[in-house]
Amino acid sequence: MKIINLDIVNEKLFYEKLDNGLDVYIIKKEKFYTEEAVLVTNFGGLDLEFVPINEDKMVTMPSGIAHFLEHKLFEQEDGESVHDFYNKTGTYVNAATDYKTTKYYFVGVNNFYNNLNYLLDFVGSPYFTDENVLKEKGIIIEEANMCLDDIGRVFNQAIYKNLFNNIRYDKTVIGSIDDIKSITKEDLYRCYNTFYHPSNMALFIFTNKDELEVLNVVKENQSKKEYKKDFKIQKKIYNEDLSVRKEYEVIDADSRINRVCYSFKQSLKDYNMSLEKVSNYLSIMLDSLIGSLSNFNLELKEKSIINGDINFYFDKEKVVDDIILHIHIYASPNDEELFIKLLEDEFNKIIVNEDDFNLYKKDNISYYNYSFNNLNKILYFLISKYENYGRIDEEIIKDELNINYDEFKEVVKRFNIKNKSIVSLKKQN
């Protein structure tokens, strides 16, 4: 077992890659009563084109299949509901599928080892039949129809769909009605056998128990299961450039307020730095320019140009020969045209002095400490690092914290908003 020292927060993260490829991360907090485990597979709504295990040709799966698979794993061959098992001890269990991952988790205060074994067993024991797949279609189609009326989902899908030309953000995580209807048990098994291999998964455990004892429980559980060795997943890597599909779209909706998302794409190659450093510098830059305590944010609120804070989010996409960064800025403007003009003016004259940079650098350290205050924040922090970088280790933490003003200025110099897409959600009068 490897110890990853998180010195900045005076914590230790215990890590081991099992023989079957499963990454296991354990963080121990002796004074916490609540315990949680999260099992993550790197399979989400974007993963529609791949070479299935034991096959040699690329296939295209129906949209929504990762979400459908998540639903079906809660149905066990013995007829017992996964929820019924956890409800017996007052333990909460759930799952979630997004564009890139599917997560299964439980949270409870007792029965930890049984809960942990059951999590690994039910996710590791698919049971699909023609009958239970057909039954599930009705449930998911109803959920999909409800999503069509969820203006927040419609808004967010338009944001991603308009920004990308080839990456499959034109498909929803839940899937279209026609695609849901077309899913078969054979499709589900092909996806499961390909993406639910331990080498494509990670287990995060938050516990008050001895970390070695917990690891041995996981090892014993996994030793009883057989998996194909030396298996490598072949997913389609898209050839995506920096152009956008659609530069501007208006969505008329039954909404209380107007909302707008200003998004843009950038190439990691343009920065000539590690993803960790660029991500951190961009976060500092955006926080200092438009964050909740920035002069720009406060002034726009005081003048009633916006309602509430400006928020931002950024992510990355691995494409052929590059990584594309995409940044999304959300606001609720009273005057959208003026807001966009002022925002672009702010980005075209970026000024962050060294004193401000150092202040935000210290704020990063505070964020690390803040993230380790409770269970949910700790796990979110760790899982987000894993999802962003594919691993967690001291080097990632060092790269995020060992930053300097000269490098920051270089990032600011290369930053641009040329490749933009705007989605506007207009309230109905």
Protein backbone atom coordinates (compact mmCIF):
# COMPACT_ATOMS: atom_id res chain seq x y z
CA MET A 1 0.00 0.00 0.00
CA LYS A 2 1.30 3.40 -0.98
CA ILE A 3 0.89 6.45 1.24
CA ILE A 4 0.15 9.68 -0.61
CA ASN A 5 1.03 12.54 1.70
CA LEU A 6 -1.37 15.46 1.42
CA ASP A 7 0.90 17.69 3.48
CA ILE A 8 -1.01 20.85 2.71
CA VAL A 9 -3.98 19.53 4.72
CA ASN A 10 -1.98 17.25 7.04
CA GLU A 11 -3.76 14.16 5.69
CA LYS A 12 -2.68 10.80 4.32
CA LEU A 13 -4.34 9.07 1.39
CA PHE A 14 -3.76 5.34 1.12
CA TYR A 15 -3.56 3.90 -2.36
CA GLU A 16 -3.10 0.56 -4.05
CA LYS A 17 -3.68 -0.73 -7.56
CA LEU A 18 -4.99 -4.28 -7.25
CA ASP A 19 -3.78 -7.10 -9.45
CA ASN A 20 -6.96 -6.81 -11.54
CA GLY A 21 -6.27 -3.10 -12.18
CA LEU A 22 -8.74 -1.54 -9.73
CA ASP A 23 -7.46 1.72 -8.19
CA VAL A 24 -8.33 1.83 -4.49
CA TYR A 25 -8.07 5.10 -2.52
CA ILE A 26 -8.74 5.11 1.23
CA ILE A 27 -8.86 8.10 3.53
CA LYS A 28 -9.21 7.50 7.25
CA LYS A 29 -10.88 9.88 9.69
CA GLU A 30 -11.04 8.33 13.14
CA LYS A 31 -13.47 10.85 14.64
CA PHE A 32 -16.03 10.60 11.82
CA TYR A 33 -18.97 8.26 12.36
CA THR A 34 -20.30 8.33 8.83
CA GLU A 35 -18.56 6.14 6.26
CA GLU A 36 -18.89 6.14 2.49
CA ALA A 37 -17.64 4.29 -0.56
CA VAL A 38 -17.86 5.44 -4.16
CA LEU A 39 -17.18 3.07 -7.06
CA VAL A 40 -16.44 4.95 -10.28
CA THR A 41 -16.29 3.56 -13.80
CA ASN A 42 -14.95 5.66 -16.65
CA PHE A 43 -18.03 5.13 -18.79
CA GLY A 44 -20.55 7.86 -19.45
CA GLY A 45 -22.90 9.41 -21.94
CA LEU A 46 -20.15 10.34 -24.42
CA ASP A 47 -18.83 6.79 -24.76
CA LEU A 48 -20.93 5.65 -27.69
CA GLU A 49 -18.23 4.51 -30.12
CA PHE A 50 -15.74 1.84 -29.06
CA VAL A 51 -14.39 -1.64 -29.78
CA PRO A 52 -16.19 -4.12 -27.46
CA ILE A 53 -14.13 -6.65 -25.55
CA ASN A 54 -13.33 -9.79 -27.62
CA GLU A 55 -14.26 -7.95 -30.84
CA ASP A 56 -12.15 -6.13 -33.42
CA LYS A 57 -14.45 -3.52 -34.97
CA MET A 58 -15.66 -0.16 -33.72
CA VAL A 59 -19.38 -0.11 -32.90
CA THR A 60 -21.83 2.72 -32.20
CA MET A 61 -24.20 2.28 -29.28
CA PRO A 62 -27.56 4.01 -28.73
CA SER A 63 -27.43 7.25 -26.75
CA GLY A 64 -28.34 6.82 -23.09
CA ILE A 65 -26.91 3.33 -22.76
CA ALA A 66 -24.55 4.21 -19.87
CA HIS A 67 -27.51 5.58 -17.91
CA PHE A 68 -29.65 2.55 -18.83
CA LEU A 69 -26.88 0.25 -17.61
CA GLU A 70 -26.70 2.13 -14.31
CA HIS A 71 -30.43 1.48 -13.78
CA LYS A 72 -30.18 -2.21 -14.58
CA LEU A 73 -27.33 -2.95 -12.16
CA PHE A 74 -29.71 -2.20 -9.29
CA GLU A 75 -31.74 -5.27 -10.25
CA GLN A 76 -30.24 -8.51 -8.94
CA GLU A 77 -30.77 -12.06 -10.16
CA ASP A 78 -32.04 -13.23 -6.75
CA GLY A 79 -34.84 -10.67 -6.95
CA GLU A 80 -33.65 -8.58 -4.00
CA SER A 81 -33.58 -4.85 -4.61
CA VAL A 82 -30.27 -3.13 -3.91
CA HIS A 83 -32.22 -0.38 -2.14
CA ASP A 84 -33.94 -2.97 0.09
CA PHE A 85 -30.57 -4.35 1.20
CA TYR A 86 -29.23 -0.96 2.25
CA ASN A 87 -32.52 0.24 3.73
CA LYS A 88 -32.34 -2.54 6.34
CA THR A 89 -29.50 -0.71 8.09
CA GLY A 90 -30.54 2.85 7.32
CA THR A 91 -27.82 3.20 4.69
CA TYR A 92 -28.31 5.50 1.72
CA VAL A 93 -27.41 4.10 -1.70
CA ASN A 94 -27.58 5.73 -5.11
CA ALA A 95 -25.84 6.13 -8.46
CA ALA A 96 -25.32 8.83 -11.06
CA THR A 97 -24.31 8.90 -14.70
CA ASP A 98 -22.80 11.93 -16.40
CA TYR A 99 -21.11 12.40 -19.73
CA LYS A 100 -17.85 10.76 -18.66
CA THR A 101 -18.41 8.50 -15.66
CA THR A 102 -20.92 6.43 -13.74
CA LYS A 103 -20.72 6.40 -9.94
CA TYR A 104 -22.28 4.00 -7.40
CA TYR A 105 -22.12 4.89 -3.73
CA PHE A 106 -23.45 4.30 -0.25
CA VAL A 107 -23.35 6.42 2.92
CA GLY A 108 -24.02 5.02 6.38
CA VAL A 109 -22.99 4.79 10.02
CA ASN A 110 -22.95 1.02 10.53
CA ASN A 111 -22.64 -2.33 8.72
CA PHE A 112 -19.69 -0.89 6.77
CA TYR A 113 -17.96 -4.08 5.65
CA ASN A 114 -21.20 -5.74 4.55
CA ASN A 115 -22.16 -2.54 2.73
CA LEU A 116 -18.77 -2.38 1.02
CA ASN A 117 -18.89 -6.01 -0.09
CA TYR A 118 -22.42 -5.60 -1.37
CA LEU A 119 -21.47 -2.51 -3.38
CA LEU A 120 -18.66 -4.41 -5.08
CA ASP A 121 -20.90 -7.43 -5.61
CA PHE A 122 -23.97 -5.76 -7.09
CA VAL A 123 -21.93 -3.58 -9.45
CA GLY A 124 -19.91 -6.67 -10.33
CA SER A 125 -22.93 -8.90 -11.02
CA PRO A 126 -24.94 -7.82 -14.08
CA TYR A 127 -28.25 -9.54 -14.72
CA PHE A 128 -29.97 -8.57 -17.95
CA THR A 129 -32.86 -10.39 -19.59
CA ASP A 130 -35.12 -9.45 -22.48
CA GLU A 131 -37.96 -9.10 -20.00
CA ASN A 132 -36.27 -6.87 -17.44
CA VAL A 133 -34.73 -4.69 -20.16
CA LEU A 134 -38.15 -4.17 -21.75
CA LYS A 135 -39.63 -3.31 -18.34
CA GLU A 136 -36.90 -0.74 -17.69
CA LYS A 137 -37.44 1.00 -21.01
CA GLY A 138 -40.84 2.27 -19.88
CA ILE A 139 -39.34 3.70 -16.69
CA ILE A 140 -36.47 5.45 -18.47
CA ILE A 141 -38.65 6.76 -21.29
CA GLU A 142 -40.87 8.38 -18.66
CA GLU A 143 -37.77 9.92 -17.08
CA ALA A 144 -36.57 11.12 -20.50
CA ASN A 145 -39.93 12.78 -21.19
CA MET A 146 -39.70 14.58 -17.84
CA CYS A 147 -36.23 15.82 -18.81
CA LEU A 148 -37.66 17.43 -21.93
CA ASP A 149 -39.62 19.72 -19.60
CA ASP A 150 -36.59 20.45 -17.40
CA ILE A 151 -35.43 23.81 -18.70
CA GLY A 152 -32.15 23.55 -16.79
CA ARG A 153 -31.25 20.37 -18.64
CA VAL A 154 -32.31 21.83 -21.98
CA PHE A 155 -30.17 24.92 -21.29
CA ASN A 156 -27.08 22.94 -20.33
CA GLN A 157 -27.34 20.53 -23.23
CA ALA A 158 -27.54 23.42 -25.69
CA ILE A 159 -24.39 24.91 -24.13
CA TYR A 160 -22.32 21.78 -24.77
CA LYS A 161 -23.95 20.83 -28.05
CA ASN A 162 -23.27 24.27 -29.57
CA LEU A 163 -19.65 24.30 -28.46
CA PHE A 164 -18.57 20.99 -30.03
CA ASN A 165 -18.73 19.73 -33.60
CA ASN A 166 -17.68 16.08 -33.30
CA ILE A 167 -17.57 15.08 -29.63
CA ARG A 168 -20.98 13.59 -28.93
CA TYR A 169 -22.45 16.33 -26.81
CA ASP A 170 -25.26 16.39 -29.36
CA LYS A 171 -26.56 13.34 -27.47
CA THR A 172 -28.07 13.49 -23.98
CA VAL A 173 -26.89 11.32 -21.10
CA ILE A 174 -30.38 9.89 -20.69
CA GLY A 175 -30.75 9.29 -24.44
CA SER A 176 -33.42 9.95 -27.04
CA ILE A 177 -36.73 8.07 -26.87
CA ASP A 178 -35.93 6.13 -30.06
CA ASP A 179 -32.47 5.16 -28.80
CA ILE A 180 -33.83 4.02 -25.43
CA LYS A 181 -36.38 1.84 -27.23
CA SER A 182 -33.64 0.23 -29.34
CA ILE A 183 -31.38 -0.88 -26.43
CA THR A 184 -31.06 -4.67 -26.04
CA LYS A 185 -29.63 -6.89 -23.33
CA GLU A 186 -26.81 -7.75 -25.75
CA ASP A 187 -25.93 -4.04 -26.02
CA LEU A 188 -25.84 -3.77 -22.25
CA TYR A 189 -23.57 -6.79 -21.84
CA ARG A 190 -21.18 -5.50 -24.52
CA CYS A 191 -20.91 -2.16 -22.71
CA TYR A 192 -20.67 -3.74 -19.28
CA ASN A 193 -18.00 -6.28 -20.23
CA THR A 194 -15.94 -3.54 -21.88
CA PHE A 195 -16.15 -0.63 -19.46
CA TYR A 196 -16.83 -2.28 -16.09
CA HIS A 197 -13.43 -3.93 -16.05
CA PRO A 198 -11.54 -3.06 -12.80
CA SER A 199 -8.71 -1.50 -14.81
CA ASN A 200 -11.24 1.14 -15.93
CA MET A 201 -12.57 1.76 -12.42
CA ALA A 202 -11.62 3.32 -9.11
CA LEU A 203 -12.90 2.83 -5.57
CA PHE A 204 -12.88 5.71 -3.07
CA ILE A 205 -13.41 4.86 0.60
CA PHE A 206 -13.95 7.23 3.50
CA THR A 207 -13.78 5.34 6.79
CA ASN A 208 -12.87 5.44 10.47
CA LYS A 209 -11.50 1.89 10.34
CA ASP A 210 -7.98 0.59 9.86
CA GLU A 211 -6.98 1.24 6.27
CA LEU A 212 -5.10 -2.04 5.82
CA GLU A 213 -8.05 -4.01 7.14
CA VAL A 214 -10.37 -2.19 4.73
CA LEU A 215 -8.01 -2.84 1.81
CA ASN A 216 -7.87 -6.55 2.66
CA VAL A 217 -11.68 -6.72 2.56
CA VAL A 218 -11.62 -5.23 -0.94
CA LYS A 219 -8.83 -7.59 -2.04
CA GLU A 220 -10.66 -10.64 -0.76
CA ASN A 221 -13.84 -9.58 -2.51
CA GLN A 222 -12.08 -8.98 -5.82
CA SER A 223 -10.06 -12.22 -5.64
CA LYS A 224 -13.32 -14.17 -6.03
CA LYS A 225 -14.09 -12.55 -9.39
CA GLU A 226 -12.51 -13.36 -12.74
CA TYR A 227 -11.56 -10.66 -15.21
CA LYS A 228 -9.79 -10.70 -18.55
CA LYS A 229 -6.11 -9.79 -18.14
CA ASP A 230 -4.12 -7.28 -20.17
CA PHE A 231 -7.30 -5.72 -21.50
CA LYS A 232 -7.14 -2.29 -23.10
CA ILE A 233 -10.24 -0.26 -23.92
CA GLN A 234 -10.35 1.23 -27.40
CA LYS A 235 -12.65 4.26 -27.44
CA LYS A 236 -13.01 6.59 -30.37
CA ILE A 237 -10.88 9.70 -29.95
CA TYR A 238 -12.54 12.54 -31.82
CA ASN A 239 -10.88 14.98 -34.17
CA GLU A 240 -12.19 18.21 -32.70
CA ASP A 241 -10.83 21.65 -33.52
CA LEU A 242 -11.44 24.99 -31.83
CA SER A 243 -14.37 26.03 -34.00
CA VAL A 244 -17.86 25.95 -32.50
CA ARG A 245 -21.02 24.43 -33.91
CA LYS A 246 -23.22 27.44 -33.16
CA GLU A 247 -22.19 30.89 -31.95
CA TYR A 248 -25.47 32.05 -30.48
CA GLU A 249 -28.79 30.50 -29.51
CA VAL A 250 -31.83 31.83 -27.67
CA ILE A 251 -34.09 29.50 -25.70
CA ASP A 252 -37.47 30.92 -24.76
CA ALA A 253 -38.67 29.33 -21.55
CA ASP A 254 -40.98 29.55 -18.59
CA SER A 255 -38.26 30.85 -16.32
CA ARG A 256 -38.20 33.34 -13.44
CA ILE A 257 -35.09 35.12 -14.69
CA ASN A 258 -32.92 35.43 -17.76
CA ARG A 259 -29.78 33.31 -17.84
CA VAL A 260 -26.81 33.29 -20.16
CA CYS A 261 -23.80 31.04 -20.57
CA TYR A 262 -20.73 32.39 -22.33
CA SER A 263 -18.50 29.46 -23.37
CA PHE A 264 -15.23 29.17 -25.28
CA LYS A 265 -12.65 26.58 -26.30
CA GLN A 266 -8.87 26.65 -26.04
CA SER A 267 -6.02 24.28 -26.86
CA LEU A 268 -3.73 23.03 -24.09
CA LYS A 269 -0.90 23.07 -26.65
CA ASP A 270 -1.13 26.87 -26.79
CA TYR A 271 0.02 27.11 -23.18
CA ASN A 272 3.02 24.75 -23.27
CA MET A 273 2.43 23.76 -19.62
CA SER A 274 0.98 20.82 -17.75
CA LEU A 275 -2.78 20.47 -17.54
CA GLU A 276 -2.56 20.80 -13.75
CA LYS A 277 -0.77 24.14 -13.90
CA VAL A 278 -2.88 25.62 -16.69
CA SER A 279 -6.07 24.62 -14.88
CA ASN A 280 -4.87 26.27 -11.70
CA TYR A 281 -3.71 29.48 -13.40
CA LEU A 282 -6.98 29.80 -15.32
CA SER A 283 -8.92 29.28 -12.10
CA ILE A 284 -6.96 32.05 -10.38
CA MET A 285 -7.38 34.36 -13.36
CA LEU A 286 -11.15 33.82 -13.62
CA ASP A 287 -11.65 34.11 -9.88
CA SER A 288 -9.73 37.37 -9.71
CA LEU A 289 -11.49 38.86 -12.74
CA ILE A 290 -15.10 37.75 -12.39
CA GLY A 291 -15.36 35.72 -9.16
CA SER A 292 -17.83 36.54 -6.40
CA LEU A 293 -15.42 38.95 -4.66
CA SER A 294 -14.03 40.60 -7.79
CA ASN A 295 -14.60 44.28 -8.43
CA PHE A 296 -16.24 43.40 -11.74
CA ASN A 297 -18.78 41.06 -10.13
CA LEU A 298 -19.58 43.46 -7.30
CA GLU A 299 -19.98 46.44 -9.63
CA LEU A 300 -22.35 44.60 -11.96
CA LYS A 301 -24.51 43.58 -9.02
CA GLU A 302 -24.52 47.09 -7.58
CA LYS A 303 -25.65 48.49 -10.93
CA SER A 304 -28.29 45.75 -11.28
CA ILE A 305 -26.75 44.57 -14.55
CA ILE A 306 -26.84 41.03 -13.16
CA ASN A 307 -28.85 39.17 -10.54
CA GLY A 308 -26.62 37.19 -8.18
CA ASP A 309 -23.03 36.13 -8.76
CA ILE A 310 -21.20 35.22 -11.93
CA ASN A 311 -20.13 31.58 -11.83
CA PHE A 312 -17.64 29.73 -13.99
CA TYR A 313 -16.75 26.15 -14.70
CA PHE A 314 -14.16 24.54 -16.94
CA ASP A 315 -13.46 21.06 -18.20
CA LYS A 316 -11.26 19.27 -20.72
CA GLU A 317 -11.65 16.89 -23.65
CA LYS A 318 -8.97 14.57 -24.99
CA VAL A 319 -8.99 14.78 -28.77
CA VAL A 320 -6.65 13.65 -31.54
CA ASP A 321 -3.20 15.15 -30.77
CA ASP A 322 -4.44 17.64 -28.18
CA ILE A 323 -6.52 18.41 -25.11
CA ILE A 324 -9.23 21.02 -25.55
CA LEU A 325 -10.13 23.14 -22.55
CA HIS A 326 -13.65 24.52 -22.42
CA ILE A 327 -14.69 27.29 -20.08
CA HIS A 328 -18.27 28.23 -19.21
CA ILE A 329 -19.33 31.50 -17.56
CA TYR A 330 -22.87 31.65 -16.15
CA ALA A 331 -24.82 34.74 -15.16
CA SER A 332 -28.39 36.03 -14.80
CA PRO A 333 -28.30 39.39 -16.58
CA ASN A 334 -30.96 42.07 -16.62
CA ASP A 335 -29.27 43.48 -19.71
CA GLU A 336 -27.63 40.63 -21.62
CA GLU A 337 -26.11 42.74 -24.38
CA LEU A 338 -24.44 45.08 -21.90
CA PHE A 339 -23.26 42.18 -19.73
CA ILE A 340 -21.57 40.44 -22.68
CA LYS A 341 -19.91 43.67 -23.80
CA LEU A 342 -18.55 44.37 -20.31
CA LEU A 343 -17.42 40.76 -19.90
CA GLU A 344 -15.51 40.81 -23.18
CA ASP A 345 -13.99 44.18 -22.29
CA GLU A 346 -12.78 42.68 -19.02
CA PHE A 347 -11.17 39.72 -20.82
CA ASN A 348 -9.53 41.97 -23.39
CA LYS A 349 -7.73 44.01 -20.71
CA ILE A 350 -6.78 41.39 -18.15
CA ILE A 351 -4.82 42.93 -15.31
CA VAL A 352 -3.89 40.89 -12.24
CA ASN A 353 -1.02 42.33 -10.25
CA GLU A 354 1.41 40.20 -8.29
CA ASP A 355 -0.10 41.07 -4.91
CA ASP A 356 -3.53 39.91 -6.08
CA PHE A 357 -2.01 36.79 -7.58
CA ASN A 358 -0.36 35.91 -4.28
CA LEU A 359 -3.63 36.51 -2.46
CA TYR A 360 -5.44 34.04 -4.71
CA LYS A 361 -2.55 31.62 -4.42
CA LYS A 362 -3.09 31.63 -0.65
CA ASP A 363 -6.79 31.19 -1.28
CA ASN A 364 -5.96 27.96 -3.15
CA ILE A 365 -4.31 26.63 -0.02
CA SER A 366 -7.36 27.62 2.01
CA TYR A 367 -9.53 25.74 -0.51
CA TYR A 368 -7.55 22.56 0.15
CA ASN A 369 -8.10 22.89 3.88
CA TYR A 370 -11.77 23.78 3.43
CA SER A 371 -12.26 20.72 1.21
CA PHE A 372 -11.21 18.41 4.04
CA ASN A 373 -13.78 19.67 6.54
CA ASN A 374 -16.48 17.09 5.86
CA LEU A 375 -17.08 13.79 4.16
CA ASN A 376 -18.78 15.05 1.01
CA LYS A 377 -16.20 17.74 0.35
CA ILE A 378 -13.32 15.30 0.86
CA LEU A 379 -14.71 12.75 -1.57
CA TYR A 380 -15.68 15.41 -4.11
CA PHE A 381 -12.16 16.82 -3.92
CA LEU A 382 -10.50 13.42 -4.43
CA ILE A 383 -12.83 12.17 -7.16
CA SER A 384 -12.58 15.45 -9.09
CA LYS A 385 -8.77 15.12 -9.06
CA TYR A 386 -9.05 11.55 -10.32
CA GLU A 387 -11.50 12.53 -13.06
CA ASN A 388 -9.37 15.49 -14.17
CA TYR A 389 -6.00 13.78 -14.21
CA GLY A 390 -6.65 10.03 -14.12
CA ARG A 391 -4.75 9.65 -10.89
CA ILE A 392 -4.06 11.24 -7.49
CA ASP A 393 -0.52 11.69 -6.25
CA GLU A 394 1.86 14.17 -4.66
CA GLU A 395 2.98 15.48 -8.06
CA ILE A 396 -0.51 16.68 -8.95
CA ILE A 397 -0.80 18.54 -5.66
CA LYS A 398 2.66 20.06 -6.10
CA ASP A 399 1.89 21.12 -9.66
CA GLU A 400 -1.28 22.82 -8.48
CA LEU A 401 0.38 24.63 -5.60
CA ASN A 402 3.91 25.33 -6.90
CA ILE A 403 2.85 28.19 -9.10
CA ASN A 404 4.50 31.53 -9.80
CA TYR A 405 3.59 34.92 -11.16
CA ASP A 406 5.80 34.73 -14.27
CA GLU A 407 4.11 31.55 -15.46
CA PHE A 408 0.74 33.05 -14.63
CA LYS A 409 1.48 36.09 -16.81
CA GLU A 410 2.35 33.74 -19.67
CA VAL A 411 -1.03 32.01 -19.33
CA VAL A 412 -2.80 35.38 -19.27
CA LYS A 413 -0.92 36.43 -22.42
CA ARG A 414 -2.04 33.29 -24.31
CA PHE A 415 -5.63 33.34 -23.05
CA ASN A 416 -8.27 34.28 -25.60
CA ILE A 417 -12.03 34.14 -26.14
CA LYS A 418 -12.03 33.89 -29.95
CA ASN A 419 -13.76 30.51 -30.16
CA LYS A 420 -16.95 31.28 -28.29
CA SER A 421 -20.54 30.13 -28.13
CA ILE A 422 -23.33 31.89 -26.22
CA VAL A 423 -26.61 30.36 -25.09
CA SER A 424 -29.30 32.69 -23.77
CA LEU A 425 -32.27 31.53 -21.73
CA LYS A 426 -35.00 34.17 -21.99
CA LYS A 427 -37.88 34.34 -19.55
CA GLN A 428 -41.29 34.61 -21.14
CA ASN A 429 -43.00 37.96 -20.67
